Protein backbone atom coordinates (compact mmCIF):
# COMPACT_ATOMS: atom_id res chain seq x y z
CA UNK A 1 -11.49 4.19 27.85
CA UNK A 2 -12.95 1.39 25.77
CA UNK A 3 -10.71 -1.10 23.99
CA UNK A 4 -12.88 -0.64 20.89
CA UNK A 5 -12.33 2.13 18.39
CA UNK A 6 -15.25 4.35 17.43
CA UNK A 7 -16.89 4.12 14.04
CA UNK A 8 -19.14 6.67 12.38
CA UNK A 9 -21.35 5.77 9.42
CA UNK A 10 -21.01 8.49 6.81
CA UNK A 11 -22.92 6.99 3.86
CA UNK A 12 -24.63 3.69 3.17
CA UNK A 13 -26.54 3.14 -0.05
CA UNK A 14 -26.96 0.40 -2.65
CA UNK A 15 -23.43 0.94 -4.06
CA UNK A 16 -21.08 1.92 -1.21
CA UNK A 17 -20.73 2.01 2.56
CA UNK A 18 -18.45 4.76 3.94
CA UNK A 19 -17.33 4.61 7.58
CA UNK A 20 -14.88 6.70 9.57
CA UNK A 21 -12.82 4.89 12.23
CA UNK A 22 -11.13 6.72 15.13
CA UNK A 23 -8.68 4.97 17.46
CA UNK A 24 -6.88 6.06 20.58
CA UNK A 25 -3.56 4.23 21.18
CA UNK A 26 -4.22 0.56 21.91
CA UNK A 27 -7.82 0.59 20.68
CA UNK A 28 -8.92 -1.99 18.11
CA UNK A 29 -11.71 -2.83 15.69
CA UNK A 30 -12.26 -6.34 17.01
CA UNK A 31 -12.10 -9.39 14.75
CA UNK A 32 -14.08 -9.01 11.54
CA UNK A 33 -14.29 -10.34 7.99
CA UNK A 34 -14.82 -7.93 5.09
CA UNK A 35 -17.83 -8.87 3.00
CA UNK A 36 -16.95 -6.38 0.22
CA UNK A 37 -13.88 -5.08 -1.59
CA UNK A 38 -12.77 -1.92 0.20
CA UNK A 39 -10.49 1.12 0.11
CA UNK A 40 -8.93 2.79 3.16
CA UNK A 41 -7.78 6.43 3.14
CA UNK A 42 -5.72 7.52 6.15
CA UNK A 43 -6.71 10.83 7.73
CA UNK A 44 -3.73 10.71 10.12
CA UNK A 45 -0.54 8.68 10.13
CA UNK A 46 -1.80 5.21 11.05
CA UNK A 47 0.59 2.84 12.82
CA UNK A 48 -1.47 -0.33 12.71
CA UNK A 49 -0.93 -3.83 14.00
CA UNK A 50 -2.98 -6.27 11.97
CA UNK A 51 -3.79 -9.46 13.84
CA UNK A 52 -4.35 -12.21 11.29
CA UNK A 53 -5.92 -15.67 11.50
CA UNK A 54 -3.64 -18.37 12.87
CA UNK A 55 -1.99 -16.08 15.42
CA UNK A 56 0.07 -14.14 12.87
CA UNK A 57 0.36 -10.35 12.92
CA UNK A 58 1.80 -7.62 10.74
CA UNK A 59 2.78 -4.03 11.59
CA UNK A 60 1.83 -1.54 8.87
CA UNK A 61 2.17 2.23 8.63
CA UNK A 62 -0.15 4.16 6.32
CA UNK A 63 0.75 7.85 6.07
CA UNK A 64 -1.91 10.57 6.23
CA UNK A 65 -3.45 11.01 2.79
CA UNK A 66 -2.36 7.59 1.51
CA UNK A 67 -4.82 4.89 0.46
CA UNK A 68 -4.82 1.15 -0.10
CA UNK A 69 -7.28 -1.43 -1.44
CA UNK A 70 -8.12 -4.97 -0.33
CA UNK A 71 -10.46 -7.64 -1.67
CA UNK A 72 -13.49 -9.08 0.09
CA UNK A 73 -12.81 -11.91 2.50
CA UNK A 74 -9.98 -10.25 4.44
CA UNK A 75 -10.23 -11.27 8.11
CA UNK A 76 -8.34 -9.38 10.81
CA UNK A 77 -8.32 -7.24 13.93
CA UNK A 78 -6.85 -3.74 13.47
CA UNK A 79 -5.07 -2.19 16.48
CA UNK A 80 -3.62 1.30 16.88
CA UNK A 81 -0.03 0.33 17.66
CA UNK A 82 1.16 3.95 17.74
CA UNK A 83 1.39 6.52 20.54
CA UNK A 84 -1.05 9.02 18.98
CA UNK A 85 -4.69 8.89 17.92
CA UNK A 86 -5.30 7.63 14.39
CA UNK A 87 -8.20 7.86 11.96
CA UNK A 88 -9.11 6.53 8.54
CA UNK A 89 -12.10 6.35 6.22
CA UNK A 90 -13.13 2.98 4.82
CA UNK A 91 -15.12 2.78 1.59
CA UNK A 92 -16.73 -0.59 0.92
CA UNK A 93 -17.74 -1.32 -2.67
CA UNK A 94 -21.02 -3.24 -2.70
């Protein structure tokens, strides 16, 4: 199994980019910086560990069906810290 989660492009036009992310336990996105404001909607319960710049980290749980928004410039690595597969859809606002 790869350490990287899988991502599936769902839509990418001049206004939005929509991507589905699927993680097995322990899989991660890899370090990245968001170039756009974005919204995440959890498809499953997501028990995430967010690795942050400077060696900090934060554990976050987003329940299936819940959403949250962040501004451009966020830099992190997202890890499935749970014991089950997790999935969410990310909508980037261009």
